Amino acid sequence: MGLPSNQFHQELDSDEATSEYCQLHYGVTFPMTQQVRLNGDDEDPLFTYLKETAGHGRIKWNFTKFLIGRDGQLIDRYAPIFKPEKMEPAIVAALNVKQD
């Protein structure tokens, strides 16, 4: 799931335009939400949780990635420069975890 943010002043004027741009230029096929705040007093509670759980503090740039397990628990946080393709082994492992 993609959660765009304009805190880094690089998003387009609307949520729809951002979603279309990501589909066209990055081949995104996953759902995109409306823009959210990643840092600060009015940050989205999801990012408060993810940052606290990962222990890495503020999000410094777009394309920071979080891998979350089927149980809703954070598995890992990835830097913006980390290529999504390199996440594949961790994603496959997370998908293969047996649910009780």
PDB file of N, CA and C in Angstrom:
ATOM      1  N   MET A   1       0.847  -1.157   0.000  1.00  0.00           N
ATOM      2  CA  MET A   1       0.000   0.000   0.000  1.00  0.00           C
ATOM      3  C   MET A   1       0.897   1.225   0.000  1.00  0.00           C
ATOM      4  N   GLY A   2       0.579   2.203  -0.798  1.00  0.00           N
ATOM      5  CA  GLY A   2       1.343   3.443  -0.850  1.00  0.00           C
ATOM      6  C   GLY A   2       0.631   4.547  -0.101  1.00  0.00           C
ATOM      7  N   LEU A   3       1.377   5.223   0.752  1.00  0.00           N
ATOM      8  CA  LEU A   3       0.828   6.345   1.510  1.00  0.00           C
ATOM      9  C   LEU A   3       1.657   7.585   1.174  1.00  0.00           C
ATOM     10  N   PRO A   4       1.237   8.351   0.166  1.00  0.00           N
ATOM     11  CA  PRO A   4       2.019   9.510  -0.232  1.00  0.00           C
ATOM     12  C   PRO A   4       1.964  10.620   0.820  1.00  0.00           C
ATOM     13  N   SER A   5       3.016  11.421   0.827  1.00  0.00           N
ATOM     14  CA  SER A   5       3.086  12.567   1.718  1.00  0.00           C
ATOM     15  C   SER A   5       3.724  13.723   0.967  1.00  0.00           C
ATOM     16  N   ASN A   6       3.234  14.910   1.211  1.00  0.00           N
ATOM     17  CA  ASN A   6       3.836  16.076   0.574  1.00  0.00           C
ATOM     18  C   ASN A   6       4.728  16.833   1.557  1.00  0.00           C
ATOM     19  N   GLN A   7       5.151  16.193   2.618  1.00  0.00           N
ATOM     20  CA  GLN A   7       6.039  16.849   3.570  1.00  0.00           C
ATOM     21  C   GLN A   7       7.407  17.130   2.958  1.00  0.00           C
ATOM     22  N   PHE A   8       7.716  16.489   1.844  1.00  0.00           N
ATOM     23  CA  PHE A   8       8.996  16.709   1.183  1.00  0.00           C
ATOM     24  C   PHE A   8       8.824  17.531  -0.090  1.00  0.00           C
ATOM     25  N   HIS A   9       7.619  18.072  -0.273  1.00  0.00           N
ATOM     26  CA  HIS A   9       7.291  19.017  -1.353  1.00  0.00           C
ATOM     27  C   HIS A   9       7.593  18.464  -2.743  1.00  0.00           C
ATOM     28  N   GLN A  10       7.159  17.228  -2.980  1.00  0.00           N
ATOM     29  CA  GLN A  10       7.364  16.662  -4.305  1.00  0.00           C
ATOM     30  C   GLN A  10       6.137  15.932  -4.848  1.00  0.00           C
ATOM     31  N   GLU A  11       5.031  15.983  -4.126  1.00  0.00           N
ATOM     32  CA  GLU A  11       3.818  15.333  -4.622  1.00  0.00           C
ATOM     33  C   GLU A  11       3.054  16.264  -5.556  1.00  0.00           C
ATOM     34  N   LEU A  12       2.153  15.677  -6.321  1.00  0.00           N
ATOM     35  CA  LEU A  12       1.327  16.434  -7.250  1.00  0.00           C
ATOM     36  C   LEU A  12       0.170  17.090  -6.509  1.00  0.00           C
ATOM     37  N   ASP A  13      -0.672  17.798  -7.245  1.00  0.00           N
ATOM     38  CA  ASP A  13      -1.727  18.606  -6.633  1.00  0.00           C
ATOM     39  C   ASP A  13      -2.869  17.819  -6.019  1.00  0.00           C
ATOM     40  N   SER A  14      -3.068  16.586  -6.465  1.00  0.00           N
ATOM     41  CA  SER A  14      -4.194  15.818  -5.923  1.00  0.00           C
ATOM     42  C   SER A  14      -3.762  14.375  -5.674  1.00  0.00           C
ATOM     43  N   ASP A  15      -4.534  13.699  -4.840  1.00  0.00           N
ATOM     44  CA  ASP A  15      -4.272  12.287  -4.563  1.00  0.00           C
ATOM     45  C   ASP A  15      -4.406  11.454  -5.842  1.00  0.00           C
ATOM     46  N   GLU A  16      -5.406  11.797  -6.667  1.00  0.00           N
ATOM     47  CA  GLU A  16      -5.623  11.065  -7.912  1.00  0.00           C
ATOM     48  C   GLU A  16      -4.429  11.231  -8.857  1.00  0.00           C
ATOM     49  N   ALA A  17      -3.911  12.447  -8.983  1.00  0.00           N
ATOM     50  CA  ALA A  17      -2.765  12.703  -9.860  1.00  0.00           C
ATOM     51  C   ALA A  17      -1.531  11.947  -9.364  1.00  0.00           C
ATOM     52  N   THR A  18      -1.339  11.899  -8.054  1.00  0.00           N
ATOM     53  CA  THR A  18      -0.210  11.165  -7.489  1.00  0.00           C
ATOM     54  C   THR A  18      -0.335   9.683  -7.801  1.00  0.00           C
ATOM     55  N   SER A  19      -1.510   9.121  -7.624  1.00  0.00           N
ATOM     56  CA  SER A  19      -1.743   7.702  -7.902  1.00  0.00           C
ATOM     57  C   SER A  19      -1.494   7.386  -9.380  1.00  0.00           C
ATOM     58  N   GLU A  20      -2.022   8.208 -10.257  1.00  0.00           N
ATOM     59  CA  GLU A  20      -1.826   8.000 -11.693  1.00  0.00           C
ATOM     60  C   GLU A  20      -0.346   8.103 -12.067  1.00  0.00           C
ATOM     61  N   TYR A  21       0.351   9.070 -11.515  1.00  0.00           N
ATOM     62  CA  TYR A  21       1.781   9.243 -11.792  1.00  0.00           C
ATOM     63  C   TYR A  21       2.570   8.005 -11.365  1.00  0.00           C
ATOM     64  N   CYS A  22       2.282   7.501 -10.180  1.00  0.00           N
ATOM     65  CA  CYS A  22       2.983   6.319  -9.674  1.00  0.00           C
ATOM     66  C   CYS A  22       2.701   5.090 -10.529  1.00  0.00           C
ATOM     67  N   GLN A  23       1.476   4.958 -11.016  1.00  0.00           N
ATOM     68  CA  GLN A  23       1.144   3.842 -11.893  1.00  0.00           C
ATOM     69  C   GLN A  23       1.904   3.944 -13.208  1.00  0.00           C
ATOM     70  N   LEU A  24       1.917   5.141 -13.786  1.00  0.00           N
ATOM     71  CA  LEU A  24       2.538   5.346 -15.086  1.00  0.00           C
ATOM     72  C   LEU A  24       4.063   5.245 -15.029  1.00  0.00           C
ATOM     73  N   HIS A  25       4.677   5.879 -14.046  1.00  0.00           N
ATOM     74  CA  HIS A  25       6.144   5.985 -14.010  1.00  0.00           C
ATOM     75  C   HIS A  25       6.844   4.892 -13.204  1.00  0.00           C
ATOM     76  N   TYR A  26       6.137   4.287 -12.253  1.00  0.00           N
ATOM     77  CA  TYR A  26       6.764   3.266 -11.406  1.00  0.00           C
ATOM     78  C   TYR A  26       6.098   1.897 -11.525  1.00  0.00           C
ATOM     79  N   GLY A  27       5.037   1.803 -12.311  1.00  0.00           N
ATOM     80  CA  GLY A  27       4.352   0.529 -12.471  1.00  0.00           C
ATOM     81  C   GLY A  27       3.618   0.068 -11.225  1.00  0.00           C
ATOM     82  N   VAL A  28       3.248   1.011 -10.377  1.00  0.00           N
ATOM     83  CA  VAL A  28       2.564   0.687  -9.124  1.00  0.00           C
ATOM     84  C   VAL A  28       1.221   0.031  -9.421  1.00  0.00           C
ATOM     85  N   THR A  29       0.983  -1.109  -8.775  1.00  0.00           N
ATOM     86  CA  THR A  29      -0.301  -1.799  -8.929  1.00  0.00           C
ATOM     87  C   THR A  29      -1.022  -1.924  -7.588  1.00  0.00           C
ATOM     88  N   PHE A  30      -0.369  -1.488  -6.510  1.00  0.00           N
ATOM     89  CA  PHE A  30      -0.984  -1.581  -5.190  1.00  0.00           C
ATOM     90  C   PHE A  30      -1.812  -0.325  -4.907  1.00  0.00           C
ATOM     91  N   PRO A  31      -2.722  -0.399  -3.949  1.00  0.00           N
ATOM     92  CA  PRO A  31      -3.565   0.750  -3.622  1.00  0.00           C
ATOM     93  C   PRO A  31      -2.744   1.927  -3.076  1.00  0.00           C
ATOM     94  N   MET A  32      -3.176   3.127  -3.428  1.00  0.00           N
ATOM     95  CA  MET A  32      -2.580   4.357  -2.913  1.00  0.00           C
ATOM     96  C   MET A  32      -3.650   5.069  -2.078  1.00  0.00           C
ATOM     97  N   THR A  33      -3.250   5.590  -0.926  1.00  0.00           N
ATOM     98  CA  THR A  33      -4.175   6.310  -0.062  1.00  0.00           C
ATOM     99  C   THR A  33      -4.111   7.803  -0.366  1.00  0.00           C
ATOM    100  N   GLN A  34      -4.881   8.546   0.381  1.00  0.00           N
ATOM    101  CA  GLN A  34      -4.753  10.002   0.322  1.00  0.00           C
ATOM    102  C   GLN A  34      -3.446  10.390   1.002  1.00  0.00           C
ATOM    103  N   GLN A  35      -3.003  11.618   0.778  1.00  0.00           N
ATOM    104  CA  GLN A  35      -1.755  12.069   1.377  1.00  0.00           C
ATOM    105  C   GLN A  35      -1.870  12.095   2.902  1.00  0.00           C
ATOM    106  N   VAL A  36      -0.763  11.728   3.549  1.00  0.00           N
ATOM    107  CA  VAL A  36      -0.710  11.710   5.012  1.00  0.00           C
ATOM    108  C   VAL A  36       0.531  12.478   5.474  1.00  0.00           C
ATOM    109  N   ARG A  37       0.552  12.812   6.753  1.00  0.00           N
ATOM    110  CA  ARG A  37       1.722  13.435   7.369  1.00  0.00           C
ATOM    111  C   ARG A  37       2.551  12.332   8.002  1.00  0.00           C
ATOM    112  N   LEU A  38       3.858  12.348   7.746  1.00  0.00           N
ATOM    113  CA  LEU A  38       4.752  11.308   8.239  1.00  0.00           C
ATOM    114  C   LEU A  38       5.466  11.694   9.526  1.00  0.00           C
ATOM    115  N   ASN A  39       5.663  12.983   9.721  1.00  0.00           N
ATOM    116  CA  ASN A  39       6.424  13.497  10.861  1.00  0.00           C
ATOM    117  C   ASN A  39       5.695  14.688  11.469  1.00  0.00           C
ATOM    118  N   GLY A  40       5.946  14.927  12.730  1.00  0.00           N
ATOM    119  CA  GLY A  40       5.410  16.125  13.371  1.00  0.00           C
ATOM    120  C   GLY A  40       4.218  15.863  14.255  1.00  0.00           C
ATOM    121  N   ASP A  41       3.722  16.937  14.836  1.00  0.00           N
ATOM    122  CA  ASP A  41       2.624  16.839  15.801  1.00  0.00           C
ATOM    123  C   ASP A  41       1.352  16.243  15.197  1.00  0.00           C
ATOM    124  N   ASP A  42       1.128  16.476  13.907  1.00  0.00           N
ATOM    125  CA  ASP A  42      -0.101  15.982  13.272  1.00  0.00           C
ATOM    126  C   ASP A  42       0.165  14.781  12.357  1.00  0.00           C
ATOM    127  N   GLU A  43       1.248  14.009  12.658  1.00  0.00           N
ATOM    128  CA  GLU A  43       1.548  12.847  11.829  1.00  0.00           C
ATOM    129  C   GLU A  43       0.476  11.781  11.987  1.00  0.00           C
ATOM    130  N   ASP A  44       0.321  10.984  10.951  1.00  0.00           N
ATOM    131  CA  ASP A  44      -0.629   9.885  10.969  1.00  0.00           C
ATOM    132  C   ASP A  44      -0.210   8.887  12.055  1.00  0.00           C
ATOM    133  N   PRO A  45      -1.142   8.408  12.872  1.00  0.00           N
ATOM    134  CA  PRO A  45      -0.803   7.465  13.949  1.00  0.00           C
ATOM    135  C   PRO A  45      -0.089   6.210  13.456  1.00  0.00           C
ATOM    136  N   LEU A  46      -0.357   5.783  12.232  1.00  0.00           N
ATOM    137  CA  LEU A  46       0.340   4.616  11.692  1.00  0.00           C
ATOM    138  C   LEU A  46       1.849   4.868  11.657  1.00  0.00           C
ATOM    139  N   PHE A  47       2.249   6.067  11.257  1.00  0.00           N
ATOM    140  CA  PHE A  47       3.678   6.366  11.172  1.00  0.00           C
ATOM    141  C   PHE A  47       4.296   6.589  12.545  1.00  0.00           C
ATOM    142  N   THR A  48       3.514   7.048  13.489  1.00  0.00           N
ATOM    143  CA  THR A  48       4.007   7.116  14.866  1.00  0.00           C
ATOM    144  C   THR A  48       4.372   5.710  15.324  1.00  0.00           C
ATOM    145  N   TYR A  49       3.460   4.769  15.118  1.00  0.00           N
ATOM    146  CA  TYR A  49       3.690   3.365  15.493  1.00  0.00           C
ATOM    147  C   TYR A  49       4.896   2.781  14.759  1.00  0.00           C
ATOM    148  N   LEU A  50       4.935   2.953  13.433  1.00  0.00           N
ATOM    149  CA  LEU A  50       6.012   2.349  12.644  1.00  0.00           C
ATOM    150  C   LEU A  50       7.380   2.884  13.041  1.00  0.00           C
ATOM    151  N   LYS A  51       7.476   4.186  13.239  1.00  0.00           N
ATOM    152  CA  LYS A  51       8.761   4.785  13.601  1.00  0.00           C
ATOM    153  C   LYS A  51       9.198   4.357  14.993  1.00  0.00           C
ATOM    154  N   GLU A  52       8.262   4.347  15.940  1.00  0.00           N
ATOM    155  CA  GLU A  52       8.604   3.917  17.303  1.00  0.00           C
ATOM    156  C   GLU A  52       9.020   2.455  17.337  1.00  0.00           C
ATOM    157  N   THR A  53       8.302   1.613  16.603  1.00  0.00           N
ATOM    158  CA  THR A  53       8.598   0.187  16.592  1.00  0.00           C
ATOM    159  C   THR A  53       9.933  -0.102  15.905  1.00  0.00           C
ATOM    160  N   ALA A  54      10.202   0.587  14.795  1.00  0.00           N
ATOM    161  CA  ALA A  54      11.454   0.369  14.060  1.00  0.00           C
ATOM    162  C   ALA A  54      12.645   0.952  14.811  1.00  0.00           C
ATOM    163  N   GLY A  55      12.401   1.997  15.611  1.00  0.00           N
ATOM    164  CA  GLY A  55      13.474   2.612  16.373  1.00  0.00           C
ATOM    165  C   GLY A  55      14.434   3.462  15.559  1.00  0.00           C
ATOM    166  N   HIS A  56      13.980   3.930  14.396  1.00  0.00           N
ATOM    167  CA  HIS A  56      14.867   4.722  13.544  1.00  0.00           C
ATOM    168  C   HIS A  56      14.491   6.194  13.464  1.00  0.00           C
ATOM    169  N   GLY A  57      13.493   6.631  14.172  1.00  0.00           N
ATOM    170  CA  GLY A  57      13.147   8.052  14.204  1.00  0.00           C
ATOM    171  C   GLY A  57      12.458   8.566  12.956  1.00  0.00           C
ATOM    172  N   ARG A  58      12.601   9.871  12.745  1.00  0.00           N
ATOM    173  CA  ARG A  58      11.902  10.578  11.672  1.00  0.00           C
ATOM    174  C   ARG A  58      12.131   9.947  10.304  1.00  0.00           C
ATOM    175  N   ILE A  59      11.120  10.104   9.469  1.00  0.00           N
ATOM    176  CA  ILE A  59      11.253   9.709   8.071  1.00  0.00           C
ATOM    177  C   ILE A  59      11.874  10.897   7.360  1.00  0.00           C
ATOM    178  N   LYS A  60      12.990  10.648   6.693  1.00  0.00           N
ATOM    179  CA  LYS A  60      13.753  11.741   6.110  1.00  0.00           C
ATOM    180  C   LYS A  60      13.437  12.004   4.647  1.00  0.00           C
ATOM    181  N   TRP A  61      12.781  11.034   3.965  1.00  0.00           N
ATOM    182  CA  TRP A  61      12.502  11.225   2.540  1.00  0.00           C
ATOM    183  C   TRP A  61      11.427  10.249   2.097  1.00  0.00           C
ATOM    184  N   ASN A  62      10.729  10.617   1.029  1.00  0.00           N
ATOM    185  CA  ASN A  62       9.744   9.714   0.435  1.00  0.00           C
ATOM    186  C   ASN A  62      10.402   8.393   0.039  1.00  0.00           C
ATOM    187  N   PHE A  63       9.612   7.405  -0.155  1.00  0.00           N
ATOM    188  CA  PHE A  63      10.015   6.058  -0.556  1.00  0.00           C
ATOM    189  C   PHE A  63      10.627   5.248   0.578  1.00  0.00           C
ATOM    190  N   THR A  64      10.502   5.734   1.826  1.00  0.00           N
ATOM    191  CA  THR A  64      10.822   4.873   2.962  1.00  0.00           C
ATOM    192  C   THR A  64       9.791   3.757   2.932  1.00  0.00           C
ATOM    193  N   LYS A  65      10.245   2.530   3.156  1.00  0.00           N
ATOM    194  CA  LYS A  65       9.357   1.381   3.049  1.00  0.00           C
ATOM    195  C   LYS A  65       9.317   0.616   4.368  1.00  0.00           C
ATOM    196  N   PHE A  66       8.139   0.089   4.691  1.00  0.00           N
ATOM    197  CA  PHE A  66       7.946  -0.723   5.883  1.00  0.00           C
ATOM    198  C   PHE A  66       7.321  -2.040   5.459  1.00  0.00           C
ATOM    199  N   LEU A  67       7.871  -3.134   5.951  1.00  0.00           N
ATOM    200  CA  LEU A  67       7.295  -4.453   5.700  1.00  0.00           C
ATOM    201  C   LEU A  67       6.558  -4.870   6.964  1.00  0.00           C
ATOM    202  N   ILE A  68       5.274  -5.161   6.806  1.00  0.00           N
ATOM    203  CA  ILE A  68       4.418  -5.511   7.938  1.00  0.00           C
ATOM    204  C   ILE A  68       3.894  -6.923   7.718  1.00  0.00           C
ATOM    205  N   GLY A  69       3.971  -7.739   8.755  1.00  0.00           N
ATOM    206  CA  GLY A  69       3.540  -9.121   8.667  1.00  0.00           C
ATOM    207  C   GLY A  69       2.030  -9.263   8.657  1.00  0.00           C
ATOM    208  N   ARG A  70       1.591 -10.466   8.387  1.00  0.00           N
ATOM    209  CA  ARG A  70       0.155 -10.777   8.377  1.00  0.00           C
ATOM    210  C   ARG A  70      -0.499 -10.476   9.720  1.00  0.00           C
ATOM    211  N   ASP A  71       0.301 -10.532  10.775  1.00  0.00           N
ATOM    212  CA  ASP A  71      -0.219 -10.273  12.116  1.00  0.00           C
ATOM    213  C   ASP A  71      -0.249  -8.790  12.458  1.00  0.00           C
ATOM    214  N   GLY A  72       0.138  -7.942  11.508  1.00  0.00           N
ATOM    215  CA  GLY A  72       0.119  -6.505  11.730  1.00  0.00           C
ATOM    216  C   GLY A  72       1.364  -5.962  12.406  1.00  0.00           C
ATOM    217  N   GLN A  73       2.322  -6.837  12.688  1.00  0.00           N
ATOM    218  CA  GLN A  73       3.550  -6.407  13.359  1.00  0.00           C
ATOM    219  C   GLN A  73       4.604  -6.008  12.324  1.00  0.00           C
ATOM    220  N   LEU A  74       5.374  -4.985  12.671  1.00  0.00           N
ATOM    221  CA  LEU A  74       6.442  -4.519  11.800  1.00  0.00           C
ATOM    222  C   LEU A  74       7.533  -5.576  11.686  1.00  0.00           C
ATOM    223  N   ILE A  75       7.928  -5.889  10.475  1.00  0.00           N
ATOM    224  CA  ILE A  75       9.032  -6.809  10.230  1.00  0.00           C
ATOM    225  C   ILE A  75      10.322  -6.020  10.035  1.00  0.00           C
ATOM    226  N   ASP A  76      10.277  -4.969   9.198  1.00  0.00           N
ATOM    227  CA  ASP A  76      11.490  -4.198   8.956  1.00  0.00           C
ATOM    228  C   ASP A  76      11.146  -2.859   8.317  1.00  0.00           C
ATOM    229  N   ARG A  77      12.093  -1.934   8.428  1.00  0.00           N
ATOM    230  CA  ARG A  77      12.015  -0.626   7.788  1.00  0.00           C
ATOM    231  C   ARG A  77      13.172  -0.535   6.807  1.00  0.00           C
ATOM    232  N   TYR A  78      12.891   0.027   5.624  1.00  0.00           N
ATOM    233  CA  TYR A  78      13.885   0.123   4.573  1.00  0.00           C
ATOM    234  C   TYR A  78      14.066   1.587   4.162  1.00  0.00           C
ATOM    235  N   ALA A  79      15.306   1.971   3.930  1.00  0.00           N
ATOM    236  CA  ALA A  79      15.635   3.335   3.527  1.00  0.00           C
ATOM    237  C   ALA A  79      15.059   3.650   2.140  1.00  0.00           C
ATOM    238  N   PRO A  80      14.863   4.925   1.834  1.00  0.00           N
ATOM    239  CA  PRO A  80      14.319   5.301   0.528  1.00  0.00           C
ATOM    240  C   PRO A  80      15.109   4.758  -0.658  1.00  0.00           C
ATOM    241  N   ILE A  81      16.422   4.622  -0.517  1.00  0.00           N
ATOM    242  CA  ILE A  81      17.240   4.157  -1.638  1.00  0.00           C
ATOM    243  C   ILE A  81      17.227   2.639  -1.798  1.00  0.00           C
ATOM    244  N   PHE A  82      16.673   1.922  -0.825  1.00  0.00           N
ATOM    245  CA  PHE A  82      16.605   0.467  -0.886  1.00  0.00           C
ATOM    246  C   PHE A  82      15.629   0.071  -1.987  1.00  0.00           C
ATOM    247  N   LYS A  83      16.085  -0.719  -2.934  1.00  0.00           N
ATOM    248  CA  LYS A  83      15.256  -1.129  -4.071  1.00  0.00           C
ATOM    249  C   LYS A  83      14.198  -2.144  -3.636  1.00  0.00           C
ATOM    250  N   PRO A  84      12.948  -1.937  -4.030  1.00  0.00           N
ATOM    251  CA  PRO A  84      11.882  -2.873  -3.650  1.00  0.00           C
ATOM    252  C   PRO A  84      12.179  -4.318  -4.039  1.00  0.00           C
ATOM    253  N   GLU A  85      12.882  -4.526  -5.156  1.00  0.00           N
ATOM    254  CA  GLU A  85      13.199  -5.876  -5.595  1.00  0.00           C
ATOM    255  C   GLU A  85      14.022  -6.629  -4.543  1.00  0.00           C
ATOM    256  N   LYS A  86      14.836  -5.899  -3.802  1.00  0.00           N
ATOM    257  CA  LYS A  86      15.683  -6.531  -2.780  1.00  0.00           C
ATOM    258  C   LYS A  86      14.875  -6.959  -1.557  1.00  0.00           C
ATOM    259  N   MET A  87      13.641  -6.491  -1.463  1.00  0.00           N
ATOM    260  CA  MET A  87      12.762  -6.872  -0.357  1.00  0.00           C
ATOM    261  C   MET A  87      12.101  -8.223  -0.601  1.00  0.00           C
ATOM    262  N   GLU A  88      12.177  -8.721  -1.817  1.00  0.00           N
ATOM    263  CA  GLU A  88      11.432  -9.923  -2.186  1.00  0.00           C
ATOM    264  C   GLU A  88      11.666 -11.113  -1.254  1.00  0.00           C
ATOM    265  N   PRO A  89      12.913 -11.447  -0.895  1.00  0.00           N
ATOM    266  CA  PRO A  89      13.088 -12.590   0.015  1.00  0.00           C
ATOM    267  C   PRO A  89      12.368 -12.396   1.360  1.00  0.00           C
ATOM    268  N   ALA A  90      12.401 -11.194   1.889  1.00  0.00           N
ATOM    269  CA  ALA A  90      11.719 -10.933   3.162  1.00  0.00           C
ATOM    270  C   ALA A  90      10.204 -11.006   2.999  1.00  0.00           C
ATOM    271  N   ILE A  91       9.703 -10.551   1.874  1.00  0.00           N
ATOM    272  CA  ILE A  91       8.263 -10.613   1.609  1.00  0.00           C
ATOM    273  C   ILE A  91       7.819 -12.075   1.471  1.00  0.00           C
ATOM    274  N   VAL A  92       8.580 -12.854   0.690  1.00  0.00           N
ATOM    275  CA  VAL A  92       8.249 -14.271   0.513  1.00  0.00           C
ATOM    276  C   VAL A  92       8.267 -14.980   1.864  1.00  0.00           C
ATOM    277  N   ALA A  93       9.288 -14.706   2.672  1.00  0.00           N
ATOM    278  CA  ALA A  93       9.373 -15.320   4.000  1.00  0.00           C
ATOM    279  C   ALA A  93       8.162 -14.938   4.852  1.00  0.00           C
ATOM    280  N   ALA A  94       7.766 -13.671   4.795  1.00  0.00           N
ATOM    281  CA  ALA A  94       6.627 -13.218   5.589  1.00  0.00           C
ATOM    282  C   ALA A  94       5.334 -13.878   5.113  1.00  0.00           C
ATOM    283  N   LEU A  95       5.204 -14.078   3.830  1.00  0.00           N
ATOM    284  CA  LEU A  95       3.996 -14.726   3.282  1.00  0.00           C
ATOM    285  C   LEU A  95       3.942 -16.205   3.643  1.00  0.00           C
ATOM    286  N   ASN A  96       5.094 -16.822   3.854  1.00  0.00           N
ATOM    287  CA  ASN A  96       5.149 -18.246   4.167  1.00  0.00           C
ATOM    288  C   ASN A  96       5.035 -18.554   5.648  1.00  0.00           C
ATOM    289  N   VAL A  97       4.941 -17.533   6.495  1.00  0.00           N
ATOM    290  CA  VAL A  97       4.800 -17.756   7.926  1.00  0.00           C
ATOM    291  C   VAL A  97       3.429 -18.365   8.186  1.00  0.00           C
ATOM    292  N   LYS A  98       3.410 -19.439   8.932  1.00  0.00           N
ATOM    293  CA  LYS A  98       2.159 -20.126   9.259  1.00  0.00           C
ATOM    294  C   LYS A  98       1.390 -19.321  10.308  1.00  0.00           C
ATOM    295  N   GLN A  99       0.104 -19.177  10.091  1.00  0.00           N
ATOM    296  CA  GLN A  99      -0.773 -18.505  11.039  1.00  0.00           C
ATOM    297  C   GLN A  99      -1.342 -19.542  12.003  1.00  0.00           C
ATOM    298  N   ASP A 100      -1.399 -19.191  13.266  1.00  0.00           N
ATOM    299  CA  ASP A 100      -1.990 -20.102  14.260  1.00  0.00           C
ATOM    300  C   ASP A 100      -3.487 -19.922  14.336  1.00  0.00           C
TER     301      ASP A 100
END
